[in-house]
Amino acid sequence: MVAKIPGAAFGTNILTAQTDIGAAIADADLFLTDDGAGGTLRKMAASRLHTYIAANTPAVLVTNSGNQSIATATNTLATFDTETIDTDSAFASNTFTVPSGEGGMYGIFGFGSMQGIDAGEFTQLRIYLNGSANSFFENRMTSHATDTEVKYSGGGFLNLSATNTIKLYWYQNSGDSQNLTNAALYIYKVHGA
């Protein structure tokens, strides 16, 4: 039973005089909260917060620290050599695979830049779902100047099922091979969507 405290407020030393946890909050740690329905104070374990506040995982952020040659008029799989985030070990061989039991809405975003794209030529970022181009993500950037560096990002949200795969492809039509630089792919599950 939680005792009600008479009067209008706690004394400030009730909190300030206590010892700080000093570490990550454990599932067994308790919080006091007002139930909002009449001023009843209730205790709640930190583990209950997971019911209401979910982490945006699985999540993946991969990048390429160097250049990747993209042949002209060819869909080329983007390669990544650095995994900054891979919460569920869901990224391998330049492919994100939705883990078992983790179907749902995902944010999917690709980034990169390319020089050598002259006026009237274009580069295109394509997100592939299960080995096929997803037309929702075929974003095209056309250069309006000679030999301009085209910096590009594109993406959106897709409802994915377990074992679905996501890959990032690039396309350009300059007539010669061009270097893709600063390539990155960021994917995360959106909870509550």
C-alpha atoms as a PDB file:
ATOM      1  CA  MET A   1       0.000   0.000   0.000  1.00  0.00           C
ATOM      2  CA  VAL A   2       1.307   3.433  -0.915  1.00  0.00           C
ATOM      3  CA  ALA A   3       0.681   6.037   1.737  1.00  0.00           C
ATOM      4  CA  LYS A   4      -0.714   9.371   0.689  1.00  0.00           C
ATOM      5  CA  ILE A   5       1.337  12.327   1.799  1.00  0.00           C
ATOM      6  CA  PRO A   6      -0.679  15.020   3.525  1.00  0.00           C
ATOM      7  CA  GLY A   7      -0.306  18.590   2.412  1.00  0.00           C
ATOM      8  CA  ALA A   8       0.238  20.152  -0.966  1.00  0.00           C
ATOM      9  CA  ALA A   9       3.793  19.087  -1.819  1.00  0.00           C
ATOM     10  CA  PHE A  10       6.845  17.016  -0.965  1.00  0.00           C
ATOM     11  CA  GLY A  11       9.658  18.679   0.891  1.00  0.00           C
ATOM     12  CA  THR A  12      12.513  19.288  -1.592  1.00  0.00           C
ATOM     13  CA  ASN A  13      14.942  17.269   0.546  1.00  0.00           C
ATOM     14  CA  ILE A  14      12.880  14.110  -0.082  1.00  0.00           C
ATOM     15  CA  LEU A  15      14.536  13.877  -3.516  1.00  0.00           C
ATOM     16  CA  THR A  16      17.703  15.925  -3.199  1.00  0.00           C
ATOM     17  CA  ALA A  17      18.866  14.048  -0.113  1.00  0.00           C
ATOM     18  CA  GLN A  18      18.714  10.682  -1.874  1.00  0.00           C
ATOM     19  CA  THR A  19      21.647   8.879  -3.498  1.00  0.00           C
ATOM     20  CA  ASP A  20      21.801   8.990  -7.298  1.00  0.00           C
ATOM     21  CA  ILE A  21      21.625   5.596  -9.022  1.00  0.00           C
ATOM     22  CA  GLY A  22      24.979   6.399 -10.647  1.00  0.00           C
ATOM     23  CA  ALA A  23      24.572   3.738 -13.340  1.00  0.00           C
ATOM     24  CA  ALA A  24      22.124   2.609 -15.986  1.00  0.00           C
ATOM     25  CA  ILE A  25      18.560   2.197 -14.759  1.00  0.00           C
ATOM     26  CA  ALA A  26      17.821  -1.456 -13.991  1.00  0.00           C
ATOM     27  CA  ASP A  27      14.484  -3.114 -14.755  1.00  0.00           C
ATOM     28  CA  ALA A  28      13.852  -3.569 -11.015  1.00  0.00           C
ATOM     29  CA  ASP A  29      14.322   0.142 -10.162  1.00  0.00           C
ATOM     30  CA  LEU A  30      11.108   1.771  -8.964  1.00  0.00           C
ATOM     31  CA  PHE A  31       9.533   5.105  -9.848  1.00  0.00           C
ATOM     32  CA  LEU A  32       6.686   6.966  -8.181  1.00  0.00           C
ATOM     33  CA  THR A  33       3.954   8.250 -10.457  1.00  0.00           C
ATOM     34  CA  ASP A  34       0.565   9.886 -10.077  1.00  0.00           C
ATOM     35  CA  ASP A  35      -2.187   7.778 -11.613  1.00  0.00           C
ATOM     36  CA  GLY A  36      -3.846  10.898 -13.040  1.00  0.00           C
ATOM     37  CA  ALA A  37      -7.265   9.828 -11.841  1.00  0.00           C
ATOM     38  CA  GLY A  38      -7.425  11.384  -8.444  1.00  0.00           C
ATOM     39  CA  GLY A  39      -3.972  11.952  -7.104  1.00  0.00           C
ATOM     40  CA  THR A  40      -3.141   8.405  -6.056  1.00  0.00           C
ATOM     41  CA  LEU A  41       0.599   7.804  -5.945  1.00  0.00           C
ATOM     42  CA  ARG A  42       1.702   4.471  -7.432  1.00  0.00           C
ATOM     43  CA  LYS A  43       5.024   2.726  -7.787  1.00  0.00           C
ATOM     44  CA  MET A  44       6.151   1.404 -11.149  1.00  0.00           C
ATOM     45  CA  ALA A  45       9.138  -0.772 -12.059  1.00  0.00           C
ATOM     46  CA  ALA A  46      11.411   0.501 -14.834  1.00  0.00           C
ATOM     47  CA  SER A  47      10.695  -2.740 -16.729  1.00  0.00           C
ATOM     48  CA  ARG A  48       7.098  -1.493 -17.255  1.00  0.00           C
ATOM     49  CA  LEU A  49       8.400   1.466 -19.256  1.00  0.00           C
ATOM     50  CA  HIS A  50       9.290  -0.935 -22.085  1.00  0.00           C
ATOM     51  CA  THR A  51       5.561  -1.490 -22.540  1.00  0.00           C
ATOM     52  CA  TYR A  52       5.081   2.182 -23.419  1.00  0.00           C
ATOM     53  CA  ILE A  53       8.449   3.377 -24.686  1.00  0.00           C
ATOM     54  CA  ALA A  54      10.040   1.085 -27.254  1.00  0.00           C
ATOM     55  CA  ALA A  55      13.500   1.528 -28.751  1.00  0.00           C
ATOM     56  CA  ASN A  56      13.669   2.113 -32.499  1.00  0.00           C
ATOM     57  CA  THR A  57      15.328  -1.238 -33.086  1.00  0.00           C
ATOM     58  CA  PRO A  58      16.307  -3.131 -35.100  1.00  0.00           C
ATOM     59  CA  ALA A  59      18.464  -0.304 -36.414  1.00  0.00           C
ATOM     60  CA  VAL A  60      21.352  -0.232 -38.891  1.00  0.00           C
ATOM     61  CA  LEU A  61      23.721   2.546 -39.972  1.00  0.00           C
ATOM     62  CA  VAL A  62      26.385   1.485 -42.461  1.00  0.00           C
ATOM     63  CA  THR A  63      28.809   3.607 -44.479  1.00  0.00           C
ATOM     64  CA  ASN A  64      31.544   3.295 -47.076  1.00  0.00           C
ATOM     65  CA  SER A  65      34.736   5.069 -46.050  1.00  0.00           C
ATOM     66  CA  GLY A  66      36.159   5.093 -49.589  1.00  0.00           C
ATOM     67  CA  ASN A  67      35.055   5.443 -53.192  1.00  0.00           C
ATOM     68  CA  GLN A  68      33.047   2.899 -55.141  1.00  0.00           C
ATOM     69  CA  SER A  69      33.148   2.885 -58.934  1.00  0.00           C
ATOM     70  CA  ILE A  70      29.659   2.951 -60.468  1.00  0.00           C
ATOM     71  CA  ALA A  71      29.597   1.905 -64.151  1.00  0.00           C
ATOM     72  CA  THR A  72      27.457   3.946 -66.512  1.00  0.00           C
ATOM     73  CA  ALA A  73      23.920   2.764 -67.243  1.00  0.00           C
ATOM     74  CA  THR A  74      24.170  -0.116 -64.749  1.00  0.00           C
ATOM     75  CA  ASN A  75      22.375  -0.733 -61.449  1.00  0.00           C
ATOM     76  CA  THR A  76      25.254  -1.248 -59.013  1.00  0.00           C
ATOM     77  CA  LEU A  77      24.902  -2.601 -55.480  1.00  0.00           C
ATOM     78  CA  ALA A  78      26.360  -0.123 -52.966  1.00  0.00           C
ATOM     79  CA  THR A  79      29.026  -1.681 -50.773  1.00  0.00           C
ATOM     80  CA  PHE A  80      29.655  -0.753 -47.145  1.00  0.00           C
ATOM     81  CA  ASP A  81      32.774  -1.319 -45.055  1.00  0.00           C
ATOM     82  CA  THR A  82      31.759   0.241 -41.723  1.00  0.00           C
ATOM     83  CA  GLU A  83      28.892  -0.748 -39.425  1.00  0.00           C
ATOM     84  CA  THR A  84      28.290   2.066 -36.952  1.00  0.00           C
ATOM     85  CA  ILE A  85      24.987   0.603 -35.727  1.00  0.00           C
ATOM     86  CA  ASP A  86      23.685  -2.945 -36.118  1.00  0.00           C
ATOM     87  CA  THR A  87      21.550  -3.626 -33.052  1.00  0.00           C
ATOM     88  CA  ASP A  88      20.313  -7.073 -34.079  1.00  0.00           C
ATOM     89  CA  SER A  89      23.171  -8.288 -36.322  1.00  0.00           C
ATOM     90  CA  ALA A  90      20.718  -7.864 -39.197  1.00  0.00           C
ATOM     91  CA  PHE A  91      23.203  -6.469 -41.743  1.00  0.00           C
ATOM     92  CA  ALA A  92      25.560  -8.715 -43.720  1.00  0.00           C
ATOM     93  CA  SER A  93      26.899  -8.859 -47.291  1.00  0.00           C
ATOM     94  CA  ASN A  94      25.554  -5.334 -48.026  1.00  0.00           C
ATOM     95  CA  THR A  95      22.031  -6.514 -47.172  1.00  0.00           C
ATOM     96  CA  PHE A  96      19.646  -5.714 -44.304  1.00  0.00           C
ATOM     97  CA  THR A  97      17.377  -8.659 -43.408  1.00  0.00           C
ATOM     98  CA  VAL A  98      14.385  -8.062 -41.143  1.00  0.00           C
ATOM     99  CA  PRO A  99      14.907 -10.320 -38.094  1.00  0.00           C
ATOM    100  CA  SER A 100      12.354 -12.944 -37.094  1.00  0.00           C
ATOM    101  CA  GLY A 101       9.509 -11.400 -35.101  1.00  0.00           C
ATOM    102  CA  GLU A 102      10.471  -7.836 -36.105  1.00  0.00           C
ATOM    103  CA  GLY A 103       8.039  -7.124 -38.937  1.00  0.00           C
ATOM    104  CA  GLY A 104       6.476  -3.661 -39.012  1.00  0.00           C
ATOM    105  CA  MET A 105       7.031  -0.131 -40.287  1.00  0.00           C
ATOM    106  CA  TYR A 106      10.645   0.812 -41.081  1.00  0.00           C
ATOM    107  CA  GLY A 107      12.345   4.069 -41.985  1.00  0.00           C
ATOM    108  CA  ILE A 108      14.823   3.470 -44.833  1.00  0.00           C
ATOM    109  CA  PHE A 109      17.221   6.194 -46.011  1.00  0.00           C
ATOM    110  CA  GLY A 110      20.163   6.168 -48.430  1.00  0.00           C
ATOM    111  CA  PHE A 111      22.865   8.828 -48.913  1.00  0.00           C
ATOM    112  CA  GLY A 112      25.796   9.464 -51.239  1.00  0.00           C
ATOM    113  CA  SER A 113      27.498  11.867 -53.617  1.00  0.00           C
ATOM    114  CA  MET A 114      29.007  11.630 -57.075  1.00  0.00           C
ATOM    115  CA  GLN A 115      31.088  13.898 -59.304  1.00  0.00           C
ATOM    116  CA  GLY A 116      31.272  13.776 -63.097  1.00  0.00           C
ATOM    117  CA  ILE A 117      27.547  14.213 -63.624  1.00  0.00           C
ATOM    118  CA  ASP A 118      27.230  16.873 -66.333  1.00  0.00           C
ATOM    119  CA  ALA A 119      24.220  18.960 -67.323  1.00  0.00           C
ATOM    120  CA  GLY A 120      21.333  16.768 -68.406  1.00  0.00           C
ATOM    121  CA  GLU A 121      22.847  13.596 -66.920  1.00  0.00           C
ATOM    122  CA  PHE A 122      21.568  11.993 -63.749  1.00  0.00           C
ATOM    123  CA  THR A 123      22.322   9.706 -60.853  1.00  0.00           C
ATOM    124  CA  GLN A 124      19.665   7.621 -59.182  1.00  0.00           C
ATOM    125  CA  LEU A 125      19.423   6.042 -55.732  1.00  0.00           C
ATOM    126  CA  ARG A 126      17.353   2.873 -55.713  1.00  0.00           C
ATOM    127  CA  ILE A 127      16.227   0.948 -52.657  1.00  0.00           C
ATOM    128  CA  TYR A 128      15.658  -2.712 -53.498  1.00  0.00           C
ATOM    129  CA  LEU A 129      13.092  -4.737 -51.560  1.00  0.00           C
ATOM    130  CA  ASN A 130      13.588  -8.519 -51.808  1.00  0.00           C
ATOM    131  CA  GLY A 131      15.851  -8.167 -54.856  1.00  0.00           C
ATOM    132  CA  SER A 132      13.596  -5.846 -56.878  1.00  0.00           C
ATOM    133  CA  ALA A 133      13.589  -2.078 -57.271  1.00  0.00           C
ATOM    134  CA  ASN A 134      10.893  -0.522 -55.170  1.00  0.00           C
ATOM    135  CA  SER A 135       9.421   2.272 -57.296  1.00  0.00           C
ATOM    136  CA  PHE A 136       8.614   4.294 -54.162  1.00  0.00           C
ATOM    137  CA  PHE A 137      12.345   4.778 -53.650  1.00  0.00           C
ATOM    138  CA  GLU A 138      13.626   5.316 -57.192  1.00  0.00           C
ATOM    139  CA  ASN A 139      14.756   8.898 -56.690  1.00  0.00           C
ATOM    140  CA  ARG A 140      16.554  10.739 -59.487  1.00  0.00           C
ATOM    141  CA  MET A 141      18.869  13.758 -59.322  1.00  0.00           C
ATOM    142  CA  THR A 142      19.739  15.585 -62.539  1.00  0.00           C
ATOM    143  CA  SER A 143      22.763  17.876 -62.729  1.00  0.00           C
ATOM    144  CA  HIS A 144      22.283  21.396 -64.082  1.00  0.00           C
ATOM    145  CA  ALA A 145      25.955  22.294 -64.397  1.00  0.00           C
ATOM    146  CA  THR A 146      29.118  20.833 -65.844  1.00  0.00           C
ATOM    147  CA  ASP A 147      30.947  18.277 -63.664  1.00  0.00           C
ATOM    148  CA  THR A 148      28.988  19.147 -60.526  1.00  0.00           C
ATOM    149  CA  GLU A 149      29.211  17.012 -57.401  1.00  0.00           C
ATOM    150  CA  VAL A 150      25.725  15.698 -56.863  1.00  0.00           C
ATOM    151  CA  LYS A 151      24.951  15.044 -53.178  1.00  0.00           C
ATOM    152  CA  TYR A 152      21.919  12.932 -52.762  1.00  0.00           C
ATOM    153  CA  SER A 153      19.660  11.387 -50.152  1.00  0.00           C
ATOM    154  CA  GLY A 154      16.358   9.651 -50.437  1.00  0.00           C
ATOM    155  CA  GLY A 155      14.092   7.295 -48.582  1.00  0.00           C
ATOM    156  CA  GLY A 156      10.852   6.871 -46.771  1.00  0.00           C
ATOM    157  CA  PHE A 157       8.882   4.242 -44.900  1.00  0.00           C
ATOM    158  CA  LEU A 158       7.896   0.684 -45.787  1.00  0.00           C
ATOM    159  CA  ASN A 159       5.902  -1.952 -43.951  1.00  0.00           C
ATOM    160  CA  LEU A 160       8.260  -4.949 -43.869  1.00  0.00           C
ATOM    161  CA  SER A 161       7.867  -8.576 -42.834  1.00  0.00           C
ATOM    162  CA  ALA A 162      10.392 -10.911 -41.220  1.00  0.00           C
ATOM    163  CA  THR A 163      13.071 -12.081 -43.708  1.00  0.00           C
ATOM    164  CA  ASN A 164      12.399  -9.182 -46.136  1.00  0.00           C
ATOM    165  CA  THR A 165      15.675  -7.801 -47.485  1.00  0.00           C
ATOM    166  CA  ILE A 166      16.751  -4.242 -48.255  1.00  0.00           C
ATOM    167  CA  LYS A 167      19.698  -3.240 -50.473  1.00  0.00           C
ATOM    168  CA  LEU A 168      20.898   0.116 -51.781  1.00  0.00           C
ATOM    169  CA  TYR A 169      21.727   0.439 -55.501  1.00  0.00           C
ATOM    170  CA  TRP A 170      23.082   3.370 -57.550  1.00  0.00           C
ATOM    171  CA  TYR A 171      22.667   4.197 -61.218  1.00  0.00           C
ATOM    172  CA  GLN A 172      24.198   6.969 -63.326  1.00  0.00           C
ATOM    173  CA  ASN A 173      24.206   7.739 -67.061  1.00  0.00           C
ATOM    174  CA  SER A 174      27.275   9.955 -67.567  1.00  0.00           C
ATOM    175  CA  GLY A 175      28.775   7.658 -70.219  1.00  0.00           C
ATOM    176  CA  ASP A 176      31.779   6.793 -68.003  1.00  0.00           C
ATOM    177  CA  SER A 177      32.305   5.116 -64.637  1.00  0.00           C
ATOM    178  CA  GLN A 178      31.954   7.560 -61.726  1.00  0.00           C
ATOM    179  CA  ASN A 179      32.923   7.352 -58.067  1.00  0.00           C
ATOM    180  CA  LEU A 180      30.232   7.117 -55.431  1.00  0.00           C
ATOM    181  CA  THR A 181      31.483   8.732 -52.207  1.00  0.00           C
ATOM    182  CA  ASN A 182      30.031   9.186 -48.716  1.00  0.00           C
ATOM    183  CA  ALA A 183      27.609   6.305 -49.251  1.00  0.00           C
ATOM    184  CA  ALA A 184      25.438   5.437 -46.251  1.00  0.00           C
ATOM    185  CA  LEU A 185      22.339   3.405 -45.483  1.00  0.00           C
ATOM    186  CA  TYR A 186      20.216   3.985 -42.361  1.00  0.00           C
ATOM    187  CA  ILE A 187      17.314   1.681 -41.442  1.00  0.00           C
ATOM    188  CA  TYR A 188      15.274   1.560 -38.223  1.00  0.00           C
ATOM    189  CA  LYS A 189      11.997   0.102 -37.029  1.00  0.00           C
ATOM    190  CA  VAL A 190       9.313   2.645 -36.146  1.00  0.00           C
ATOM    191  CA  HIS A 191       7.457   1.456 -33.059  1.00  0.00           C
ATOM    192  CA  GLY A 192       3.858   2.458 -32.564  1.00  0.00           C
ATOM    193  CA  ALA A 193       3.292   3.061 -36.289  1.00  0.00           C
END
